[in-house]
Amino acid sequence: MKTFLGLVSLLLVALLLRSTALSVLASRGIVLDVLAFATLVWALARGEAWGASFGFLLGLTADLDAAHWLGRHALVLALLGYGVGRLSHTLVRDSARTQLVLLFLLTLIHETWVLSFDVGVGGNWLWLLGRVIVAALLTAPAGTLVLLIARWGSGQPLFGHAELESGPAR
């Protein structure tokens, strides 16, 4: 029940942020990808199955909210959630550098996928490249800062350590 409430809470907060405060910033060219951030957080905390499920649910509800093609966000967020969930078993999940790099890569992939539908074949691909890079450069440090503040506020690691098998010392 606790996992379900956490899932619904993070889903609602991400969608409300995306459709209210962050949409105003996006209209001025400041793009913060809260969908990629929420998927990263859930996948790091819960693993690949929950990461893919959360990414799919978040993407599907974001598609319904934006009233465009269903599955546009759902597919890429499900795949990203699965990938980050798989990586979470081998990474130091509470490292700020790891979170920064993962968030940068997730934002690049997510924004490229989503904006490629808007640009189309004859569109301005330089505009797409600029917007994707701006989104990744803004989302990664902002998301990492949010996770640092959450870690400092809780006084303990958010995600724990990677599940590594210890071998014989050499």
N, C-alpha and C. Protein backbone atom coordinates (compact mmCIF):
# COMPACT_ATOMS: atom_id res chain seq x y z
N MET A 1 0.82 -1.19 0.00
CA MET A 1 0.00 0.00 0.00
C MET A 1 0.87 1.26 0.00
N LYS A 2 1.98 1.19 0.75
CA LYS A 2 2.89 2.34 0.83
C LYS A 2 3.50 2.63 -0.54
N THR A 3 3.87 1.57 -1.27
CA THR A 3 4.44 1.74 -2.60
C THR A 3 3.41 2.35 -3.55
N PHE A 4 2.18 1.89 -3.46
CA PHE A 4 1.12 2.41 -4.32
C PHE A 4 0.87 3.89 -4.05
N LEU A 5 0.83 4.27 -2.79
CA LEU A 5 0.62 5.69 -2.45
C LEU A 5 1.79 6.55 -2.91
N GLY A 6 3.00 6.03 -2.78
CA GLY A 6 4.17 6.76 -3.27
C GLY A 6 4.13 6.93 -4.78
N LEU A 7 3.73 5.87 -5.48
CA LEU A 7 3.63 5.92 -6.94
C LEU A 7 2.61 6.97 -7.38
N VAL A 8 1.44 6.93 -6.78
CA VAL A 8 0.38 7.88 -7.16
C VAL A 8 0.78 9.31 -6.79
N SER A 9 1.41 9.48 -5.64
CA SER A 9 1.83 10.82 -5.22
C SER A 9 2.87 11.41 -6.17
N LEU A 10 3.91 10.63 -6.49
CA LEU A 10 4.94 11.12 -7.41
C LEU A 10 4.37 11.38 -8.79
N LEU A 11 3.47 10.53 -9.23
CA LEU A 11 2.81 10.69 -10.53
C LEU A 11 2.02 12.00 -10.57
N LEU A 12 1.22 12.25 -9.55
CA LEU A 12 0.41 13.47 -9.51
C LEU A 12 1.26 14.73 -9.39
N VAL A 13 2.28 14.68 -8.54
CA VAL A 13 3.14 15.85 -8.37
C VAL A 13 3.85 16.18 -9.68
N ALA A 14 4.37 15.15 -10.36
CA ALA A 14 5.07 15.38 -11.63
C ALA A 14 4.13 15.97 -12.67
N LEU A 15 2.94 15.44 -12.77
CA LEU A 15 2.00 15.95 -13.77
C LEU A 15 1.52 17.36 -13.44
N LEU A 16 1.28 17.63 -12.16
CA LEU A 16 0.86 18.99 -11.78
C LEU A 16 1.97 20.01 -12.03
N LEU A 17 3.20 19.65 -11.69
CA LEU A 17 4.31 20.55 -11.97
C LEU A 17 4.45 20.80 -13.46
N ARG A 18 4.33 19.74 -14.25
CA ARG A 18 4.50 19.85 -15.70
C ARG A 18 3.42 20.75 -16.32
N SER A 19 2.19 20.62 -15.84
CA SER A 19 1.13 21.39 -16.48
C SER A 19 0.89 22.75 -15.86
N THR A 20 1.56 23.09 -14.78
CA THR A 20 1.36 24.42 -14.19
C THR A 20 2.64 25.24 -14.25
N ALA A 21 3.47 25.13 -13.25
CA ALA A 21 4.64 26.00 -13.12
C ALA A 21 5.65 25.81 -14.24
N LEU A 22 5.92 24.57 -14.60
CA LEU A 22 6.96 24.33 -15.60
C LEU A 22 6.51 24.66 -17.03
N SER A 23 5.21 24.67 -17.27
CA SER A 23 4.74 25.05 -18.61
C SER A 23 4.94 26.54 -18.86
N VAL A 24 4.84 27.34 -17.80
CA VAL A 24 5.11 28.78 -17.91
C VAL A 24 6.59 29.01 -18.23
N LEU A 25 7.46 28.27 -17.55
CA LEU A 25 8.90 28.40 -17.85
C LEU A 25 9.22 27.90 -19.26
N ALA A 26 8.58 26.83 -19.69
CA ALA A 26 8.84 26.28 -21.02
C ALA A 26 8.43 27.26 -22.12
N SER A 27 7.41 28.04 -21.88
CA SER A 27 7.00 29.02 -22.89
C SER A 27 8.04 30.13 -23.04
N ARG A 28 8.91 30.28 -22.07
CA ARG A 28 10.00 31.27 -22.13
C ARG A 28 11.33 30.63 -22.51
N GLY A 29 11.30 29.34 -22.88
CA GLY A 29 12.51 28.67 -23.33
C GLY A 29 13.30 27.94 -22.25
N ILE A 30 12.79 27.95 -21.02
CA ILE A 30 13.45 27.25 -19.92
C ILE A 30 12.73 25.92 -19.72
N VAL A 31 13.34 24.85 -20.19
CA VAL A 31 12.69 23.54 -20.17
C VAL A 31 13.30 22.69 -19.07
N LEU A 32 12.46 22.29 -18.12
CA LEU A 32 12.85 21.34 -17.08
C LEU A 32 12.00 20.08 -17.27
N ASP A 33 12.63 18.96 -17.52
CA ASP A 33 11.93 17.72 -17.84
C ASP A 33 11.60 16.96 -16.56
N VAL A 34 10.46 17.28 -15.96
CA VAL A 34 10.06 16.64 -14.71
C VAL A 34 9.66 15.19 -14.94
N LEU A 35 9.24 14.82 -16.14
CA LEU A 35 8.88 13.43 -16.41
C LEU A 35 10.10 12.52 -16.37
N ALA A 36 11.19 12.96 -16.97
CA ALA A 36 12.42 12.18 -16.92
C ALA A 36 12.96 12.12 -15.49
N PHE A 37 12.85 13.21 -14.76
CA PHE A 37 13.32 13.24 -13.37
C PHE A 37 12.53 12.26 -12.50
N ALA A 38 11.21 12.30 -12.61
CA ALA A 38 10.37 11.40 -11.78
C ALA A 38 10.63 9.94 -12.13
N THR A 39 10.79 9.65 -13.41
CA THR A 39 11.08 8.27 -13.83
C THR A 39 12.43 7.83 -13.28
N LEU A 40 13.41 8.70 -13.33
CA LEU A 40 14.73 8.37 -12.78
C LEU A 40 14.65 8.07 -11.30
N VAL A 41 13.97 8.90 -10.55
CA VAL A 41 13.87 8.72 -9.10
C VAL A 41 13.19 7.39 -8.77
N TRP A 42 12.08 7.10 -9.43
CA TRP A 42 11.35 5.88 -9.13
C TRP A 42 12.14 4.64 -9.55
N ALA A 43 12.80 4.70 -10.69
CA ALA A 43 13.57 3.55 -11.16
C ALA A 43 14.80 3.30 -10.29
N LEU A 44 15.46 4.35 -9.83
CA LEU A 44 16.60 4.17 -8.93
C LEU A 44 16.15 3.58 -7.60
N ALA A 45 14.99 3.96 -7.14
CA ALA A 45 14.52 3.49 -5.84
C ALA A 45 13.93 2.09 -5.91
N ARG A 46 13.28 1.72 -7.01
CA ARG A 46 12.50 0.48 -7.05
C ARG A 46 12.99 -0.58 -8.02
N GLY A 47 13.89 -0.25 -8.94
CA GLY A 47 14.39 -1.26 -9.87
C GLY A 47 13.70 -1.22 -11.23
N GLU A 48 14.06 -2.19 -12.07
CA GLU A 48 13.63 -2.14 -13.47
C GLU A 48 12.14 -2.39 -13.69
N ALA A 49 11.53 -3.32 -12.99
CA ALA A 49 10.11 -3.61 -13.22
C ALA A 49 9.24 -2.42 -12.81
N TRP A 50 9.51 -1.90 -11.62
CA TRP A 50 8.76 -0.73 -11.18
C TRP A 50 9.11 0.51 -11.99
N GLY A 51 10.36 0.63 -12.40
CA GLY A 51 10.78 1.78 -13.22
C GLY A 51 10.06 1.81 -14.55
N ALA A 52 9.96 0.64 -15.20
CA ALA A 52 9.25 0.57 -16.48
C ALA A 52 7.76 0.81 -16.29
N SER A 53 7.19 0.25 -15.25
CA SER A 53 5.75 0.43 -14.99
C SER A 53 5.43 1.89 -14.68
N PHE A 54 6.26 2.50 -13.83
CA PHE A 54 6.05 3.90 -13.50
C PHE A 54 6.22 4.79 -14.73
N GLY A 55 7.27 4.54 -15.51
CA GLY A 55 7.50 5.33 -16.71
C GLY A 55 6.34 5.22 -17.68
N PHE A 56 5.81 4.02 -17.84
CA PHE A 56 4.67 3.83 -18.74
C PHE A 56 3.43 4.57 -18.22
N LEU A 57 3.12 4.42 -16.92
CA LEU A 57 1.95 5.11 -16.36
C LEU A 57 2.10 6.63 -16.44
N LEU A 58 3.27 7.11 -16.09
CA LEU A 58 3.51 8.56 -16.14
C LEU A 58 3.42 9.06 -17.58
N GLY A 59 4.02 8.34 -18.50
CA GLY A 59 3.97 8.75 -19.91
C GLY A 59 2.57 8.72 -20.47
N LEU A 60 1.81 7.68 -20.13
CA LEU A 60 0.44 7.58 -20.64
C LEU A 60 -0.45 8.70 -20.09
N THR A 61 -0.31 9.00 -18.80
CA THR A 61 -1.10 10.10 -18.24
C THR A 61 -0.64 11.45 -18.78
N ALA A 62 0.66 11.59 -19.05
CA ALA A 62 1.15 12.84 -19.66
C ALA A 62 0.61 12.98 -21.08
N ASP A 63 0.52 11.88 -21.81
CA ASP A 63 -0.07 11.92 -23.15
C ASP A 63 -1.55 12.30 -23.09
N LEU A 64 -2.27 11.75 -22.14
CA LEU A 64 -3.68 12.10 -21.98
C LEU A 64 -3.85 13.56 -21.57
N ASP A 65 -2.97 14.04 -20.72
CA ASP A 65 -3.01 15.42 -20.27
C ASP A 65 -2.74 16.40 -21.41
N ALA A 66 -1.78 16.06 -22.26
CA ALA A 66 -1.40 16.97 -23.34
C ALA A 66 -2.28 16.81 -24.58
N ALA A 67 -3.13 15.80 -24.62
CA ALA A 67 -4.06 15.57 -25.73
C ALA A 67 -3.35 15.44 -27.07
N HIS A 68 -2.33 14.59 -27.11
CA HIS A 68 -1.69 14.26 -28.37
C HIS A 68 -1.57 12.75 -28.47
N TRP A 69 -0.79 12.27 -29.40
CA TRP A 69 -0.71 10.83 -29.65
C TRP A 69 -0.45 10.05 -28.38
N LEU A 70 -1.28 9.06 -28.14
CA LEU A 70 -1.06 8.20 -26.99
C LEU A 70 0.17 7.34 -27.22
N GLY A 71 0.99 7.26 -26.24
CA GLY A 71 2.18 6.44 -26.34
C GLY A 71 3.45 7.20 -26.65
N ARG A 72 3.32 8.46 -26.98
CA ARG A 72 4.49 9.26 -27.32
C ARG A 72 5.47 9.35 -26.15
N HIS A 73 4.96 9.67 -24.99
CA HIS A 73 5.80 9.70 -23.78
C HIS A 73 5.90 8.32 -23.16
N ALA A 74 4.84 7.54 -23.24
CA ALA A 74 4.77 6.27 -22.52
C ALA A 74 5.86 5.30 -22.95
N LEU A 75 6.10 5.18 -24.24
CA LEU A 75 7.11 4.23 -24.72
C LEU A 75 8.50 4.60 -24.23
N VAL A 76 8.89 5.83 -24.45
CA VAL A 76 10.26 6.22 -24.11
C VAL A 76 10.47 6.23 -22.60
N LEU A 77 9.49 6.65 -21.82
CA LEU A 77 9.66 6.67 -20.37
C LEU A 77 9.68 5.25 -19.79
N ALA A 78 8.92 4.34 -20.38
CA ALA A 78 8.96 2.95 -19.93
C ALA A 78 10.33 2.34 -20.21
N LEU A 79 10.87 2.59 -21.39
CA LEU A 79 12.19 2.07 -21.72
C LEU A 79 13.28 2.70 -20.86
N LEU A 80 13.18 3.99 -20.62
CA LEU A 80 14.16 4.66 -19.77
C LEU A 80 14.06 4.18 -18.32
N GLY A 81 12.85 3.98 -17.84
CA GLY A 81 12.66 3.46 -16.48
C GLY A 81 13.25 2.06 -16.34
N TYR A 82 13.06 1.24 -17.35
CA TYR A 82 13.64 -0.10 -17.31
C TYR A 82 15.17 -0.04 -17.33
N GLY A 83 15.72 0.80 -18.21
CA GLY A 83 17.17 0.92 -18.31
C GLY A 83 17.81 1.43 -17.04
N VAL A 84 17.24 2.46 -16.45
CA VAL A 84 17.79 3.01 -15.20
C VAL A 84 17.61 2.00 -14.07
N GLY A 85 16.49 1.31 -14.06
CA GLY A 85 16.28 0.29 -13.03
C GLY A 85 17.31 -0.83 -13.11
N ARG A 86 17.66 -1.23 -14.34
CA ARG A 86 18.70 -2.26 -14.50
C ARG A 86 20.05 -1.72 -14.04
N LEU A 87 20.35 -0.48 -14.40
CA LEU A 87 21.62 0.12 -13.99
C LEU A 87 21.69 0.35 -12.48
N SER A 88 20.55 0.50 -11.84
CA SER A 88 20.55 0.83 -10.41
C SER A 88 21.14 -0.30 -9.56
N HIS A 89 21.23 -1.49 -10.11
CA HIS A 89 21.82 -2.60 -9.35
C HIS A 89 23.34 -2.53 -9.33
N THR A 90 23.93 -1.77 -10.25
CA THR A 90 25.39 -1.73 -10.33
C THR A 90 25.98 -0.34 -10.07
N LEU A 91 25.16 0.66 -9.94
CA LEU A 91 25.64 2.03 -9.73
C LEU A 91 25.58 2.43 -8.27
N VAL A 92 26.37 3.41 -7.92
CA VAL A 92 26.23 4.05 -6.61
C VAL A 92 25.11 5.07 -6.78
N ARG A 93 23.93 4.69 -6.36
CA ARG A 93 22.73 5.47 -6.66
C ARG A 93 22.66 6.81 -5.93
N ASP A 94 23.33 6.94 -4.79
CA ASP A 94 23.29 8.19 -4.06
C ASP A 94 24.42 9.15 -4.43
N SER A 95 25.21 8.81 -5.42
CA SER A 95 26.27 9.70 -5.88
C SER A 95 25.67 10.82 -6.72
N ALA A 96 26.01 12.05 -6.38
CA ALA A 96 25.49 13.20 -7.13
C ALA A 96 25.97 13.16 -8.58
N ARG A 97 27.20 12.71 -8.81
CA ARG A 97 27.72 12.62 -10.18
C ARG A 97 26.93 11.60 -11.00
N THR A 98 26.62 10.47 -10.40
CA THR A 98 25.83 9.45 -11.09
C THR A 98 24.45 10.00 -11.45
N GLN A 99 23.82 10.66 -10.51
CA GLN A 99 22.49 11.23 -10.74
C GLN A 99 22.55 12.31 -11.82
N LEU A 100 23.58 13.14 -11.79
CA LEU A 100 23.73 14.20 -12.79
C LEU A 100 23.87 13.61 -14.20
N VAL A 101 24.74 12.62 -14.34
CA VAL A 101 24.95 12.02 -15.67
C VAL A 101 23.70 11.29 -16.14
N LEU A 102 23.08 10.50 -15.26
CA LEU A 102 21.87 9.78 -15.65
C LEU A 102 20.75 10.74 -16.04
N LEU A 103 20.57 11.77 -15.26
CA LEU A 103 19.51 12.74 -15.57
C LEU A 103 19.78 13.48 -16.86
N PHE A 104 21.04 13.81 -17.11
CA PHE A 104 21.41 14.46 -18.37
C PHE A 104 21.08 13.54 -19.55
N LEU A 105 21.48 12.27 -19.47
CA LEU A 105 21.22 11.33 -20.56
C LEU A 105 19.73 11.05 -20.74
N LEU A 106 19.00 10.88 -19.64
CA LEU A 106 17.56 10.63 -19.75
C LEU A 106 16.84 11.80 -20.38
N THR A 107 17.22 13.01 -19.99
CA THR A 107 16.58 14.19 -20.56
C THR A 107 16.90 14.32 -22.04
N LEU A 108 18.15 14.06 -22.43
CA LEU A 108 18.51 14.10 -23.85
C LEU A 108 17.66 13.13 -24.67
N ILE A 109 17.56 11.90 -24.18
CA ILE A 109 16.81 10.88 -24.92
C ILE A 109 15.33 11.21 -24.94
N HIS A 110 14.76 11.56 -23.79
CA HIS A 110 13.33 11.84 -23.72
C HIS A 110 12.94 13.05 -24.56
N GLU A 111 13.66 14.14 -24.41
CA GLU A 111 13.32 15.35 -25.17
C GLU A 111 13.52 15.15 -26.67
N THR A 112 14.57 14.44 -27.07
CA THR A 112 14.79 14.18 -28.50
C THR A 112 13.64 13.39 -29.07
N TRP A 113 13.22 12.35 -28.36
CA TRP A 113 12.11 11.51 -28.83
C TRP A 113 10.82 12.32 -28.94
N VAL A 114 10.48 13.05 -27.91
CA VAL A 114 9.21 13.77 -27.88
C VAL A 114 9.20 14.92 -28.88
N LEU A 115 10.28 15.69 -28.94
CA LEU A 115 10.29 16.83 -29.85
C LEU A 115 10.42 16.43 -31.31
N SER A 116 10.94 15.24 -31.58
CA SER A 116 11.03 14.81 -32.98
C SER A 116 9.64 14.63 -33.60
N PHE A 117 8.63 14.36 -32.79
CA PHE A 117 7.27 14.29 -33.30
C PHE A 117 6.75 15.68 -33.68
N ASP A 118 7.18 16.70 -32.96
CA ASP A 118 6.74 18.07 -33.24
C ASP A 118 7.43 18.66 -34.46
N VAL A 119 8.69 18.33 -34.65
CA VAL A 119 9.47 18.92 -35.74
C VAL A 119 9.11 18.27 -37.07
N GLY A 120 9.03 16.96 -37.10
CA GLY A 120 8.70 16.26 -38.35
C GLY A 120 9.87 16.21 -39.30
N VAL A 121 9.59 15.80 -40.54
CA VAL A 121 10.65 15.60 -41.53
C VAL A 121 11.21 16.93 -42.03
N GLY A 122 10.36 17.87 -42.34
CA GLY A 122 10.83 19.13 -42.93
C GLY A 122 11.02 20.24 -41.93
N GLY A 123 11.10 19.91 -40.65
CA GLY A 123 11.19 20.93 -39.62
C GLY A 123 12.59 21.45 -39.40
N ASN A 124 12.71 22.32 -38.43
CA ASN A 124 13.98 22.94 -38.09
C ASN A 124 14.70 22.09 -37.04
N TRP A 125 15.62 21.25 -37.49
CA TRP A 125 16.32 20.33 -36.60
C TRP A 125 17.34 21.05 -35.73
N LEU A 126 17.82 22.21 -36.14
CA LEU A 126 18.73 22.97 -35.29
C LEU A 126 18.00 23.51 -34.06
N TRP A 127 16.75 23.90 -34.25
CA TRP A 127 15.93 24.34 -33.12
C TRP A 127 15.75 23.18 -32.15
N LEU A 128 15.48 21.99 -32.69
CA LEU A 128 15.31 20.80 -31.86
C LEU A 128 16.58 20.52 -31.05
N LEU A 129 17.72 20.55 -31.71
CA LEU A 129 18.98 20.29 -31.03
C LEU A 129 19.23 21.30 -29.92
N GLY A 130 18.99 22.57 -30.18
CA GLY A 130 19.18 23.60 -29.17
C GLY A 130 18.26 23.42 -27.98
N ARG A 131 17.01 23.12 -28.25
CA ARG A 131 16.03 22.94 -27.16
C ARG A 131 16.36 21.70 -26.31
N VAL A 132 16.79 20.63 -26.97
CA VAL A 132 17.14 19.40 -26.25
C VAL A 132 18.36 19.65 -25.36
N ILE A 133 19.36 20.32 -25.88
CA ILE A 133 20.57 20.57 -25.10
C ILE A 133 20.27 21.50 -23.93
N VAL A 134 19.46 22.54 -24.16
CA VAL A 134 19.07 23.44 -23.07
C VAL A 134 18.31 22.67 -21.99
N ALA A 135 17.39 21.81 -22.41
CA ALA A 135 16.61 21.02 -21.44
C ALA A 135 17.52 20.12 -20.61
N ALA A 136 18.47 19.47 -21.26
CA ALA A 136 19.37 18.56 -20.54
C ALA A 136 20.30 19.33 -19.61
N LEU A 137 20.79 20.48 -20.07
CA LEU A 137 21.70 21.28 -19.24
C LEU A 137 21.00 21.92 -18.05
N LEU A 138 19.71 22.15 -18.15
CA LEU A 138 18.96 22.73 -17.03
C LEU A 138 18.39 21.66 -16.10
N THR A 139 17.89 20.57 -16.66
CA THR A 139 17.23 19.55 -15.86
C THR A 139 18.22 18.78 -14.99
N ALA A 140 19.38 18.43 -15.55
CA ALA A 140 20.33 17.60 -14.80
C ALA A 140 20.81 18.28 -13.51
N PRO A 141 21.31 19.53 -13.55
CA PRO A 141 21.73 20.12 -12.28
C PRO A 141 20.57 20.42 -11.33
N ALA A 142 19.43 20.84 -11.90
CA ALA A 142 18.28 21.13 -11.04
C ALA A 142 17.78 19.87 -10.34
N GLY A 143 17.68 18.77 -11.07
CA GLY A 143 17.25 17.52 -10.47
C GLY A 143 18.23 16.99 -9.46
N THR A 144 19.52 17.12 -9.76
CA THR A 144 20.55 16.69 -8.82
C THR A 144 20.49 17.52 -7.54
N LEU A 145 20.25 18.81 -7.68
CA LEU A 145 20.11 19.69 -6.52
C LEU A 145 18.90 19.29 -5.67
N VAL A 146 17.80 18.97 -6.31
CA VAL A 146 16.60 18.54 -5.57
C VAL A 146 16.90 17.25 -4.80
N LEU A 147 17.60 16.32 -5.42
CA LEU A 147 17.94 15.07 -4.74
C LEU A 147 18.93 15.30 -3.60
N LEU A 148 19.88 16.24 -3.78
CA LEU A 148 20.81 16.58 -2.70
C LEU A 148 20.08 17.19 -1.50
N ILE A 149 19.15 18.08 -1.78
CA ILE A 149 18.37 18.71 -0.70
C ILE A 149 17.52 17.66 0.01
N ALA A 150 16.92 16.74 -0.75
CA ALA A 150 16.13 15.67 -0.14
C ALA A 150 17.00 14.76 0.72
N ARG A 151 18.20 14.46 0.26
CA ARG A 151 19.11 13.62 1.04
C ARG A 151 19.55 14.33 2.32
N TRP A 152 19.89 15.62 2.21
CA TRP A 152 20.28 16.38 3.40
C TRP A 152 19.11 16.51 4.36
N GLY A 153 17.92 16.73 3.83
CA GLY A 153 16.74 16.88 4.68
C GLY A 153 16.38 15.60 5.41
N SER A 154 16.55 14.46 4.76
CA SER A 154 16.21 13.20 5.42
C SER A 154 17.31 12.71 6.34
N GLY A 155 18.54 13.14 6.09
CA GLY A 155 19.65 12.74 6.93
C GLY A 155 20.15 11.33 6.67
N GLN A 156 19.67 10.71 5.60
CA GLN A 156 20.09 9.34 5.27
C GLN A 156 20.08 9.19 3.76
N PRO A 157 20.73 8.15 3.24
CA PRO A 157 20.72 7.94 1.79
C PRO A 157 19.30 7.71 1.27
N LEU A 158 19.02 8.26 0.10
CA LEU A 158 17.68 8.09 -0.48
C LEU A 158 17.49 6.71 -1.11
N PHE A 159 18.53 6.20 -1.73
CA PHE A 159 18.40 4.98 -2.52
C PHE A 159 19.17 3.80 -1.96
N GLY A 160 20.03 3.98 -1.02
CA GLY A 160 20.85 2.87 -0.52
C GLY A 160 22.00 2.59 -1.47
N HIS A 161 22.70 1.50 -1.24
CA HIS A 161 23.85 1.15 -2.06
C HIS A 161 23.47 0.10 -3.08
N ALA A 162 24.29 0.01 -4.11
CA ALA A 162 24.07 -0.98 -5.15
C ALA A 162 24.21 -2.39 -4.58
N GLU A 163 23.52 -3.31 -5.18
CA GLU A 163 23.56 -4.70 -4.72
C GLU A 163 24.71 -5.41 -5.43
N LEU A 164 25.88 -5.34 -4.82
CA LEU A 164 27.06 -5.95 -5.41
C LEU A 164 27.43 -7.20 -4.63
N GLU A 165 27.82 -8.21 -5.35
CA GLU A 165 28.34 -9.42 -4.72
C GLU A 165 29.79 -9.17 -4.40
N SER A 166 30.19 -9.41 -3.19
CA SER A 166 31.60 -9.24 -2.86
C SER A 166 32.34 -10.52 -3.16
N GLY A 167 33.45 -10.36 -3.82
CA GLY A 167 34.27 -11.51 -4.19
C GLY A 167 35.48 -11.59 -3.28
N PRO A 168 36.31 -12.58 -3.50
CA PRO A 168 37.52 -12.71 -2.69
C PRO A 168 38.47 -11.54 -2.96
N ALA A 169 39.14 -11.11 -1.91
CA ALA A 169 40.11 -10.01 -2.04
C ALA A 169 41.34 -10.50 -2.79
N ARG A 170 41.86 -9.63 -3.64
CA ARG A 170 43.05 -10.00 -4.41
C ARG A 170 44.22 -9.17 -3.99
